[in-house]
N, C-alpha and C. Protein backbone atom coordinates (compact mmCIF):
# COMPACT_ATOMS: atom_id res chain seq x y z
N MET A 1 88.78 94.74 93.93
CA MET A 1 87.98 95.24 94.96
C MET A 1 86.78 96.11 94.42
N ARG A 2 87.10 96.80 93.19
CA ARG A 2 86.00 97.73 92.76
C ARG A 2 84.93 96.98 92.16
N ARG A 3 85.25 95.80 91.64
CA ARG A 3 83.98 94.91 91.13
C ARG A 3 83.24 94.43 92.21
N ALA A 4 83.95 94.27 93.42
CA ALA A 4 83.10 93.55 94.63
C ALA A 4 82.24 94.62 95.44
N VAL A 5 82.42 95.75 95.27
CA VAL A 5 81.62 96.77 96.12
C VAL A 5 80.96 97.78 95.01
N GLU A 6 79.80 98.36 95.63
CA GLU A 6 79.00 99.39 94.83
C GLU A 6 79.82 100.52 94.40
N PRO A 7 79.35 101.13 93.34
CA PRO A 7 79.98 102.40 92.89
C PRO A 7 79.86 103.44 93.90
N GLY A 8 81.05 104.10 94.23
CA GLY A 8 81.17 105.23 95.27
C GLY A 8 81.31 104.53 96.64
N TYR A 9 81.58 103.34 96.83
CA TYR A 9 81.75 102.57 98.05
C TYR A 9 82.97 103.33 98.74
N PHE A 10 84.15 103.46 98.04
CA PHE A 10 85.26 104.06 98.80
C PHE A 10 85.08 105.68 98.93
N ARG A 11 84.30 106.10 98.19
CA ARG A 11 84.25 107.64 98.47
C ARG A 11 83.29 107.85 99.66
N SER A 12 82.34 107.15 99.71
CA SER A 12 81.38 107.17 101.00
C SER A 12 82.07 106.71 102.16
N LYS A 13 82.78 105.65 102.18
CA LYS A 13 83.58 105.22 103.43
C LYS A 13 84.69 106.35 103.81
N THR A 14 85.38 106.85 102.72
CA THR A 14 86.25 108.04 103.18
C THR A 14 85.56 109.08 103.99
N GLN A 15 84.43 109.58 103.37
CA GLN A 15 83.47 110.63 103.96
C GLN A 15 83.09 110.27 105.35
N GLU A 16 82.70 108.92 105.51
CA GLU A 16 82.22 108.41 106.89
C GLU A 16 83.44 108.77 107.91
N LEU A 17 84.67 108.35 107.54
CA LEU A 17 85.76 108.30 108.37
C LEU A 17 86.23 109.75 108.77
N LEU A 18 86.10 110.63 107.54
CA LEU A 18 86.20 112.05 107.94
C LEU A 18 85.24 112.62 109.05
N GLY A 19 84.02 112.19 108.92
CA GLY A 19 82.98 112.43 109.73
C GLY A 19 83.20 112.06 111.34
N TYR A 20 83.82 111.00 111.35
CA TYR A 20 84.23 110.45 112.66
C TYR A 20 85.47 111.39 113.32
N LYS A 21 86.09 112.18 112.47
CA LYS A 21 87.12 112.89 113.02
C LYS A 21 86.67 113.80 114.23
N GLU A 22 85.69 114.53 114.12
CA GLU A 22 85.35 115.21 115.20
C GLU A 22 85.01 114.43 116.53
N GLY A 23 84.43 113.27 116.26
CA GLY A 23 84.16 112.55 117.45
C GLY A 23 85.29 111.90 118.04
N PHE A 24 86.30 111.57 117.11
CA PHE A 24 87.56 110.98 117.80
C PHE A 24 88.29 112.18 118.53
N GLN A 25 88.18 113.41 118.13
CA GLN A 25 88.95 114.48 118.80
C GLN A 25 88.24 114.78 120.23
N ARG A 26 86.79 114.59 120.17
CA ARG A 26 86.02 114.65 121.48
C ARG A 26 86.32 113.66 122.40
N ILE A 27 86.63 112.29 121.86
CA ILE A 27 86.84 111.17 122.75
C ILE A 27 88.35 111.48 123.27
N MET A 28 89.26 111.85 122.53
CA MET A 28 90.63 112.13 122.86
C MET A 28 90.60 113.19 124.00
N GLY A 29 89.78 114.11 123.75
CA GLY A 29 89.71 115.23 125.05
C GLY A 29 89.30 114.65 126.22
N GLN A 30 88.20 113.80 126.01
CA GLN A 30 87.65 113.03 127.47
C GLN A 30 88.69 112.36 128.10
N LEU A 31 89.46 111.60 127.21
CA LEU A 31 90.52 110.58 127.81
C LEU A 31 91.59 111.48 128.36
N LEU A 32 92.12 112.39 127.77
CA LEU A 32 93.09 113.30 128.33
C LEU A 32 92.70 113.74 129.88
N GLU A 33 91.30 114.23 129.76
CA GLU A 33 90.86 114.75 131.36
C GLU A 33 90.89 113.69 132.19
N ARG A 34 90.20 112.53 131.77
CA ARG A 34 90.12 111.28 132.84
C ARG A 34 91.44 110.84 133.27
N TYR A 35 92.51 110.86 132.40
CA TYR A 35 93.69 110.49 132.88
C TYR A 35 94.65 111.53 133.32
N ASN A 36 93.96 112.77 133.60
CA ASN A 36 94.62 113.89 134.10
C ASN A 36 95.82 114.35 133.40
N GLN A 37 95.76 114.36 132.11
CA GLN A 37 96.88 114.70 131.28
C GLN A 37 96.54 115.82 130.40
N THR A 38 97.31 116.79 130.19
CA THR A 38 97.02 118.02 129.62
C THR A 38 97.80 118.29 128.19
N GLY A 39 98.98 117.55 127.82
CA GLY A 39 99.52 117.81 126.74
C GLY A 39 100.28 116.58 126.25
N GLY A 40 101.27 116.77 125.35
CA GLY A 40 102.10 115.69 124.89
C GLY A 40 101.33 114.98 123.76
N VAL A 41 101.93 113.91 123.23
CA VAL A 41 101.42 113.10 122.05
C VAL A 41 100.83 112.00 122.62
N HIS A 42 99.65 111.67 122.27
CA HIS A 42 98.75 110.50 122.66
C HIS A 42 98.21 110.02 121.30
N THR A 43 97.80 108.74 121.42
CA THR A 43 97.21 108.01 120.24
C THR A 43 96.00 107.38 120.55
N LEU A 44 94.92 107.52 119.78
CA LEU A 44 93.72 106.90 119.78
C LEU A 44 93.52 106.04 118.52
N GLN A 45 93.40 104.72 118.85
CA GLN A 45 93.23 103.71 117.71
C GLN A 45 91.85 103.05 117.77
N LEU A 46 91.27 102.88 116.58
CA LEU A 46 90.02 102.30 116.31
C LEU A 46 90.21 101.08 115.34
N ARG A 47 89.74 100.00 115.80
CA ARG A 47 89.75 98.67 115.09
C ARG A 47 88.44 98.03 114.72
N VAL A 48 88.09 98.15 113.54
CA VAL A 48 86.67 97.56 113.29
C VAL A 48 86.72 96.52 112.04
N GLY A 49 86.11 95.59 112.31
CA GLY A 49 86.27 94.37 111.32
C GLY A 49 85.20 93.20 111.64
N CYS A 50 85.26 92.31 110.65
CA CYS A 50 84.34 91.17 110.74
C CYS A 50 85.17 90.00 110.18
N SER A 51 84.59 88.80 110.42
CA SER A 51 85.35 87.51 109.75
C SER A 51 84.33 86.47 109.46
N LEU A 52 84.71 85.63 108.43
CA LEU A 52 83.91 84.45 108.26
C LEU A 52 84.78 83.17 108.54
N ARG A 53 84.14 82.18 108.87
CA ARG A 53 84.71 80.86 108.98
C ARG A 53 83.71 79.86 108.42
N ASP A 54 84.26 79.14 107.29
CA ASP A 54 83.37 78.24 106.60
C ASP A 54 82.02 79.01 106.10
N ASP A 55 82.24 80.35 105.63
CA ASP A 55 81.03 81.14 105.30
C ASP A 55 80.16 81.47 106.33
N SER A 56 80.53 81.29 107.46
CA SER A 56 79.49 81.55 108.66
C SER A 56 80.20 82.77 109.35
N PRO A 57 79.49 83.94 109.64
CA PRO A 57 80.05 85.02 110.20
C PRO A 57 80.31 84.76 111.51
N GLN A 58 81.43 85.39 112.01
CA GLN A 58 82.02 85.41 113.32
C GLN A 58 81.61 86.74 114.03
N ALA A 59 81.91 86.78 115.31
CA ALA A 59 81.66 87.92 116.09
C ALA A 59 82.53 89.10 115.50
N GLY A 60 81.86 90.28 115.02
CA GLY A 60 82.50 91.38 114.60
C GLY A 60 83.35 92.15 115.76
N VAL A 61 84.20 92.90 115.36
CA VAL A 61 84.93 93.66 116.47
C VAL A 61 85.01 95.28 116.13
N LEU A 62 84.81 95.87 117.38
CA LEU A 62 84.85 97.46 117.13
C LEU A 62 85.53 97.80 118.57
N GLN A 63 86.77 98.10 118.52
CA GLN A 63 87.68 98.42 119.72
C GLN A 63 88.29 99.71 119.65
N TYR A 64 88.36 100.29 120.69
CA TYR A 64 89.27 101.69 120.93
C TYR A 64 90.32 101.25 121.85
N ALA A 65 91.55 101.75 121.45
CA ALA A 65 92.73 101.54 122.36
C ALA A 65 93.12 103.23 122.48
N TYR A 66 93.69 103.35 123.73
CA TYR A 66 94.31 104.56 124.00
C TYR A 66 95.81 104.41 124.44
N ASP A 67 96.76 105.11 123.68
CA ASP A 67 98.16 104.92 123.83
C ASP A 67 98.53 103.27 124.08
N SER A 68 98.13 102.64 123.01
CA SER A 68 98.41 101.33 122.70
C SER A 68 97.79 100.26 123.84
N GLN A 69 96.74 100.73 124.79
CA GLN A 69 96.30 99.93 125.58
C GLN A 69 94.59 99.84 125.31
N ASP A 70 93.97 98.53 125.52
CA ASP A 70 92.76 98.57 125.34
C ASP A 70 91.91 99.44 126.34
N PHE A 71 91.10 100.32 125.56
CA PHE A 71 90.24 101.21 126.31
C PHE A 71 88.70 100.75 126.45
N ILE A 72 88.11 100.55 125.33
CA ILE A 72 86.65 100.18 125.24
C ILE A 72 86.23 99.50 123.99
N GLY A 73 85.48 98.49 124.02
CA GLY A 73 85.01 97.69 122.83
C GLY A 73 83.65 97.53 122.82
N PHE A 74 83.09 97.37 121.58
CA PHE A 74 81.61 97.10 121.39
C PHE A 74 81.21 95.59 121.30
N ASP A 75 80.42 95.15 122.10
CA ASP A 75 80.07 93.71 122.00
C ASP A 75 78.88 93.82 120.87
N GLY A 76 79.13 93.20 119.64
CA GLY A 76 78.11 93.24 118.67
C GLY A 76 77.01 92.33 118.80
N GLN A 77 77.14 91.19 119.68
CA GLN A 77 76.00 90.24 119.89
C GLN A 77 75.17 90.87 120.65
N ARG A 78 75.56 91.47 121.91
CA ARG A 78 74.67 91.98 122.91
C ARG A 78 74.20 93.57 122.84
N GLY A 79 75.07 94.22 121.77
CA GLY A 79 74.69 95.51 121.62
C GLY A 79 75.15 96.33 122.70
N LEU A 80 76.21 95.96 123.39
CA LEU A 80 76.73 96.67 124.62
C LEU A 80 78.26 97.09 124.54
N TRP A 81 78.53 98.04 125.15
CA TRP A 81 79.97 98.50 125.28
C TRP A 81 80.53 97.80 126.53
N VAL A 82 81.85 97.38 126.33
CA VAL A 82 82.60 96.83 127.41
C VAL A 82 83.94 97.73 127.64
N ALA A 83 83.95 98.16 129.01
CA ALA A 83 84.97 98.95 129.29
C ALA A 83 86.15 97.98 129.64
N ALA A 84 87.34 98.37 129.22
CA ALA A 84 88.52 97.57 129.43
C ALA A 84 89.30 98.23 130.74
N VAL A 85 89.09 99.22 131.02
CA VAL A 85 89.79 100.03 132.12
C VAL A 85 88.67 100.96 132.73
N GLN A 86 88.96 101.33 134.08
CA GLN A 86 87.97 102.06 134.82
C GLN A 86 87.67 103.50 134.22
N PRO A 87 88.67 104.21 133.71
CA PRO A 87 88.10 105.38 133.06
C PRO A 87 87.38 105.42 131.71
N ALA A 88 87.12 104.16 131.44
CA ALA A 88 86.03 103.87 130.18
C ALA A 88 84.79 103.81 130.58
N VAL A 89 84.39 103.59 131.87
CA VAL A 89 83.07 103.35 132.48
C VAL A 89 81.99 104.50 132.07
N LEU A 90 82.84 105.57 132.09
CA LEU A 90 81.74 106.88 131.78
C LEU A 90 81.40 106.87 130.38
N SER A 91 82.48 106.64 129.57
CA SER A 91 82.16 106.53 128.00
C SER A 91 81.10 105.50 127.68
N LYS A 92 81.15 104.28 128.43
CA LYS A 92 80.28 103.08 128.27
C LYS A 92 78.90 103.64 128.54
N ARG A 93 78.66 104.21 129.73
CA ARG A 93 77.30 104.76 130.09
C ARG A 93 76.73 105.53 128.99
N ARG A 94 77.54 106.64 128.65
CA ARG A 94 77.17 107.49 127.67
C ARG A 94 76.82 106.99 126.39
N TRP A 95 77.62 106.10 125.78
CA TRP A 95 77.28 105.43 124.57
C TRP A 95 76.29 104.55 124.57
N GLU A 96 76.09 103.75 125.59
CA GLU A 96 74.82 102.75 125.76
C GLU A 96 73.60 103.49 125.72
N ALA A 97 73.49 104.73 126.29
CA ALA A 97 72.17 105.51 126.50
C ALA A 97 71.85 105.85 124.95
N ASP A 98 72.84 105.99 123.95
CA ASP A 98 72.54 106.32 122.67
C ASP A 98 72.14 105.09 121.96
N ARG A 99 70.73 104.37 122.05
CA ARG A 99 70.32 103.11 121.52
C ARG A 99 70.56 103.15 120.01
N PRO A 100 70.04 104.21 119.38
CA PRO A 100 70.11 104.24 117.87
C PRO A 100 71.62 103.92 117.46
N TRP A 101 72.59 104.50 117.94
CA TRP A 101 73.97 104.40 117.65
C TRP A 101 74.39 102.80 117.84
N CYS A 102 74.05 102.42 118.92
CA CYS A 102 74.40 100.89 119.26
C CYS A 102 73.81 100.08 118.27
N GLN A 103 72.42 100.36 118.00
CA GLN A 103 71.74 99.43 116.90
C GLN A 103 72.40 99.70 115.67
N PHE A 104 72.89 100.76 115.23
CA PHE A 104 73.62 100.97 114.09
C PHE A 104 74.67 100.13 113.93
N LEU A 105 75.59 100.23 115.12
CA LEU A 105 76.89 99.49 115.03
C LEU A 105 76.65 97.92 115.05
N GLN A 106 75.54 97.60 115.80
CA GLN A 106 75.18 95.96 115.51
C GLN A 106 74.91 95.66 114.10
N HIS A 107 74.10 96.46 113.56
CA HIS A 107 73.61 96.20 112.13
C HIS A 107 74.87 96.24 111.35
N TYR A 108 75.86 97.15 111.49
CA TYR A 108 77.09 97.10 110.62
C TYR A 108 77.85 96.04 110.78
N LEU A 109 78.15 95.60 111.96
CA LEU A 109 78.98 94.30 112.27
C LEU A 109 78.42 93.10 111.82
N GLN A 110 76.95 93.01 111.95
CA GLN A 110 76.53 91.67 111.69
C GLN A 110 75.89 91.62 110.21
N GLN A 111 75.57 92.76 109.66
CA GLN A 111 75.14 92.63 108.41
C GLN A 111 76.04 93.29 107.35
N GLU A 112 76.28 94.69 107.30
CA GLU A 112 77.00 95.34 106.16
C GLU A 112 78.33 94.73 106.07
N CYS A 113 78.92 94.77 107.14
CA CYS A 113 80.44 94.47 107.19
C CYS A 113 80.66 92.92 106.47
N VAL A 114 79.59 92.04 106.95
CA VAL A 114 79.81 90.60 106.59
C VAL A 114 79.30 90.48 105.01
N LYS A 115 78.35 91.35 104.67
CA LYS A 115 77.93 91.22 103.27
C LYS A 115 79.12 91.72 102.36
N THR A 116 79.83 92.86 102.74
CA THR A 116 80.90 93.35 102.05
C THR A 116 81.95 92.39 102.04
N LEU A 117 82.28 91.74 103.08
CA LEU A 117 83.34 90.79 103.16
C LEU A 117 83.17 89.61 102.26
N ARG A 118 81.86 89.15 102.30
CA ARG A 118 81.46 87.86 101.33
C ARG A 118 81.76 88.40 99.91
N SER A 119 81.30 89.53 99.61
CA SER A 119 81.44 90.09 98.10
C SER A 119 82.85 90.04 97.75
N LEU A 120 83.69 90.71 98.60
CA LEU A 120 85.12 90.70 98.42
C LEU A 120 85.80 89.29 98.15
N VAL A 121 85.36 88.41 99.18
CA VAL A 121 85.92 87.05 98.97
C VAL A 121 85.42 86.36 97.67
N ARG A 122 84.11 86.48 97.22
CA ARG A 122 83.73 85.95 96.17
C ARG A 122 84.14 86.55 94.77
N HIS A 123 84.51 87.89 94.72
CA HIS A 123 85.03 88.47 93.61
C HIS A 123 86.68 88.15 93.70
N GLY A 124 87.25 88.07 94.79
CA GLY A 124 88.69 87.80 94.98
C GLY A 124 89.05 86.38 95.00
N ARG A 125 88.16 85.45 94.69
CA ARG A 125 88.43 84.04 94.87
C ARG A 125 89.49 83.54 93.73
N GLU A 126 89.47 84.19 92.75
CA GLU A 126 90.62 83.79 91.75
C GLU A 126 91.81 84.10 92.21
N THR A 127 92.02 85.42 92.76
CA THR A 127 93.29 85.76 93.26
C THR A 127 93.78 85.08 94.55
N LEU A 128 92.76 85.08 95.52
CA LEU A 128 93.13 84.24 96.75
C LEU A 128 93.46 82.83 96.53
N GLY A 129 92.71 82.13 95.72
CA GLY A 129 92.85 80.74 95.30
C GLY A 129 94.24 80.42 94.47
N ARG A 130 94.73 81.35 93.96
CA ARG A 130 95.77 81.05 92.87
C ARG A 130 96.96 80.36 93.44
N GLN A 131 97.61 79.56 92.61
CA GLN A 131 98.80 78.95 93.08
C GLN A 131 99.85 78.94 91.96
N LEU A 132 100.94 79.72 92.14
CA LEU A 132 102.02 79.93 91.38
C LEU A 132 103.40 79.08 91.83
N PRO A 133 103.78 78.07 91.12
CA PRO A 133 104.96 77.44 91.46
C PRO A 133 106.06 78.43 91.44
N PRO A 134 107.25 78.06 92.15
CA PRO A 134 108.40 78.99 92.06
C PRO A 134 109.17 78.78 90.81
N GLU A 135 109.90 79.84 90.30
CA GLU A 135 110.97 79.63 89.36
C GLU A 135 112.35 79.56 90.05
N VAL A 136 112.87 78.38 89.99
CA VAL A 136 114.03 78.20 90.67
C VAL A 136 115.22 78.07 89.81
N SER A 137 116.32 78.59 90.44
CA SER A 137 117.74 78.72 89.99
C SER A 137 118.81 78.61 90.96
N VAL A 138 119.76 77.89 90.56
CA VAL A 138 121.01 77.48 91.54
C VAL A 138 122.42 78.10 90.98
N SER A 139 122.98 78.73 91.75
CA SER A 139 124.36 79.25 91.33
C SER A 139 125.53 78.74 92.19
N CYS A 140 126.64 78.90 91.76
CA CYS A 140 127.74 78.24 92.48
C CYS A 140 128.83 79.30 92.37
N ARG A 141 129.35 79.59 93.46
CA ARG A 141 130.63 80.77 93.50
C ARG A 141 131.85 79.98 94.52
N ASP A 142 132.83 79.99 93.75
CA ASP A 142 134.08 79.54 94.43
C ASP A 142 134.87 80.62 95.36
N ALA A 143 135.26 80.16 96.41
CA ALA A 143 135.93 81.04 97.42
C ALA A 143 137.57 80.73 97.25
N PRO A 144 138.37 81.85 97.66
CA PRO A 144 139.69 81.42 97.67
C PRO A 144 140.23 80.53 98.66
N ASP A 145 139.37 80.06 99.80
CA ASP A 145 139.92 79.21 100.64
C ASP A 145 139.64 77.83 100.22
N GLY A 146 138.98 77.49 99.03
CA GLY A 146 138.70 76.00 98.39
C GLY A 146 137.38 75.72 98.71
N SER A 147 136.55 76.67 99.41
CA SER A 147 135.18 76.11 99.62
C SER A 147 134.21 76.79 98.50
N VAL A 148 133.19 76.18 98.54
CA VAL A 148 132.11 76.54 97.39
C VAL A 148 130.72 77.05 98.09
N THR A 149 130.25 78.08 97.58
CA THR A 149 128.83 78.53 97.96
C THR A 149 127.89 78.41 96.95
N LEU A 150 126.91 77.52 97.37
CA LEU A 150 125.85 77.17 96.32
C LEU A 150 124.64 78.34 96.83
N SER A 151 124.04 78.85 95.82
CA SER A 151 122.71 79.61 96.23
C SER A 151 121.57 79.22 95.37
N CYS A 152 120.52 79.06 96.12
CA CYS A 152 119.22 78.66 95.44
C CYS A 152 118.29 79.92 95.48
N HIS A 153 117.81 80.31 94.34
CA HIS A 153 116.83 81.35 94.29
C HIS A 153 115.52 80.81 93.80
N ALA A 154 114.39 81.15 94.78
CA ALA A 154 113.12 80.82 94.24
C ALA A 154 112.34 81.93 94.00
N ARG A 155 111.67 82.31 92.91
CA ARG A 155 110.96 83.52 92.64
C ARG A 155 109.61 83.33 92.14
N GLY A 156 108.88 84.26 92.18
CA GLY A 156 107.46 84.41 91.66
C GLY A 156 106.39 83.30 92.25
N PHE A 157 106.67 82.82 93.41
CA PHE A 157 105.61 81.88 93.95
C PHE A 157 104.52 82.46 94.76
N TYR A 158 103.53 81.72 94.90
CA TYR A 158 102.30 82.29 95.62
C TYR A 158 101.30 81.04 95.85
N PRO A 159 100.97 80.83 97.10
CA PRO A 159 101.06 81.71 98.31
C PRO A 159 102.22 81.46 98.91
N ARG A 160 102.37 82.19 100.17
CA ARG A 160 103.82 82.52 100.65
C ARG A 160 104.43 81.26 101.29
N PRO A 161 103.89 80.30 101.80
CA PRO A 161 104.61 79.35 102.45
C PRO A 161 105.42 78.52 101.65
N ILE A 162 106.71 78.23 101.72
CA ILE A 162 107.54 77.32 100.88
C ILE A 162 108.75 76.92 102.00
N HIS A 163 109.10 75.51 101.55
CA HIS A 163 110.35 75.21 102.20
C HIS A 163 111.44 74.76 101.23
N VAL A 164 112.62 75.39 101.62
CA VAL A 164 113.81 75.31 100.79
C VAL A 164 114.90 74.53 101.40
N SER A 165 115.18 73.46 100.78
CA SER A 165 116.34 72.70 101.47
C SER A 165 117.27 72.11 100.52
N TRP A 166 118.46 71.80 101.18
CA TRP A 166 119.43 71.22 100.36
C TRP A 166 119.50 69.62 100.47
N VAL A 167 119.55 68.87 99.45
CA VAL A 167 119.43 67.35 99.58
C VAL A 167 120.44 66.82 99.04
N ARG A 168 121.01 65.65 99.74
CA ARG A 168 122.21 64.85 99.17
C ARG A 168 121.87 63.40 99.47
N ASP A 169 121.83 62.60 98.35
CA ASP A 169 121.52 61.23 98.46
C ASP A 169 120.04 61.07 99.12
N GLU A 170 119.14 61.88 98.68
CA GLU A 170 117.74 61.95 99.01
C GLU A 170 117.61 62.22 100.61
N GLU A 171 118.35 62.89 101.19
CA GLU A 171 118.23 63.21 102.66
C GLU A 171 118.60 64.83 102.71
N ASP A 172 117.93 65.53 103.40
CA ASP A 172 118.15 66.96 103.68
C ASP A 172 119.61 67.05 104.26
N ILE A 173 120.24 68.02 103.93
CA ILE A 173 121.45 68.30 104.52
C ILE A 173 121.26 69.39 105.64
N LEU A 174 121.70 68.88 106.86
CA LEU A 174 121.34 69.83 108.10
C LEU A 174 122.42 70.84 108.40
N ALA A 175 123.28 71.17 107.45
CA ALA A 175 124.18 72.08 107.74
C ALA A 175 123.72 73.51 107.68
N GLU A 176 124.40 74.49 108.39
CA GLU A 176 123.70 75.91 108.29
C GLU A 176 123.64 76.41 106.92
N THR A 177 122.49 77.08 106.55
CA THR A 177 122.27 77.65 105.33
C THR A 177 122.06 79.19 105.91
N ASP A 178 122.42 80.19 104.84
CA ASP A 178 122.09 81.51 104.99
C ASP A 178 120.96 81.80 104.04
N SER A 179 119.70 82.35 104.61
CA SER A 179 118.48 82.46 104.11
C SER A 179 118.19 84.09 103.90
N SER A 180 117.51 84.45 102.99
CA SER A 180 116.99 85.75 102.96
C SER A 180 115.70 85.88 103.66
N GLY A 181 114.90 84.81 104.00
CA GLY A 181 113.75 84.58 104.41
C GLY A 181 112.85 84.96 103.29
N ILE A 182 111.52 84.91 103.39
CA ILE A 182 110.51 85.00 102.22
C ILE A 182 110.21 86.58 102.13
N LEU A 183 110.43 86.88 101.10
CA LEU A 183 110.20 88.40 100.84
C LEU A 183 109.30 88.67 99.77
N PRO A 184 108.52 89.86 100.05
CA PRO A 184 107.38 90.06 98.90
C PRO A 184 107.92 90.64 97.46
N ASN A 185 107.31 90.44 96.48
CA ASN A 185 107.68 91.09 95.25
C ASN A 185 106.57 92.04 94.83
N ALA A 186 106.86 93.02 94.04
CA ALA A 186 106.00 93.95 93.49
C ALA A 186 104.59 93.42 92.99
N ASP A 187 104.74 92.39 92.35
CA ASP A 187 103.63 91.67 91.67
C ASP A 187 102.67 90.90 92.57
N SER A 188 102.91 90.94 93.99
CA SER A 188 102.17 90.06 94.98
C SER A 188 102.62 88.72 95.07
N THR A 189 103.67 88.32 94.43
CA THR A 189 104.16 87.06 94.53
C THR A 189 105.29 87.02 95.73
N TYR A 190 106.18 85.96 95.82
CA TYR A 190 107.20 86.07 96.81
C TYR A 190 108.63 85.43 96.20
N TYR A 191 109.53 85.70 96.89
CA TYR A 191 110.88 85.51 96.65
C TYR A 191 111.75 84.91 97.74
N THR A 192 112.68 84.01 97.67
CA THR A 192 113.56 83.64 98.79
C THR A 192 114.86 83.06 98.10
N GLN A 193 115.87 83.26 99.02
CA GLN A 193 117.16 82.79 98.59
C GLN A 193 117.85 82.15 99.75
N ALA A 194 118.42 80.80 99.51
CA ALA A 194 119.03 80.15 100.45
C ALA A 194 120.50 79.77 99.91
N SER A 195 121.50 79.85 100.63
CA SER A 195 122.87 79.67 100.56
C SER A 195 123.57 78.55 101.43
N LEU A 196 124.33 77.76 100.81
CA LEU A 196 125.10 76.65 101.53
C LEU A 196 126.58 76.77 101.26
N GLU A 197 127.32 76.94 102.18
CA GLU A 197 128.85 76.76 102.02
C GLU A 197 129.37 75.40 102.24
N ILE A 198 130.16 74.92 101.18
CA ILE A 198 130.64 73.51 101.23
C ILE A 198 132.19 73.66 101.17
N SER A 199 132.58 72.91 102.18
CA SER A 199 134.29 72.82 102.14
C SER A 199 134.63 71.62 101.13
N LEU A 200 135.44 71.79 100.15
CA LEU A 200 135.90 70.71 99.25
C LEU A 200 137.06 70.17 99.74
N GLN A 201 137.59 70.43 100.87
CA GLN A 201 138.86 69.85 101.45
C GLN A 201 138.70 68.80 102.41
């Protein structure tokens, strides 16, 4: 990521977020007032992002949620705020009156965010496009009741999707298997284990 962004990018973004802290506190105070709440623990969430599809920018997103419920969002195409609930209408009016702020947000979502995302994708293409086959091993454990448990371990594969199945005579065995699910490794690859119990009697 450091190769994909300008020097000081992370430092400047951290400072920007710290600068928003006062604004977040002011918004939280307004929300408590509007919802007639005086104390307790409440959560204000901000989600900001953009996306590309076939290298074409999609509509960016900037949304606030209050106590896990949508509160207000910014429509980057029209440069307008959209109130999700009635108490957000006052914030919508105030924020839309600040045209330079709305223009800055439009520019950020349509230009800066997309430019940064394209740079991250370009520099990360090698990592994003890598394909590592799994290292596979099978073990066998006998049980006192005469059954046998076969375990298949697949390690170090990327990307995440994988299908592990037991095959006999070129057909999948539909018997129940015990699976660990697909788990992440520390090196950003994945691991999975599937076991099958077979009765020899």
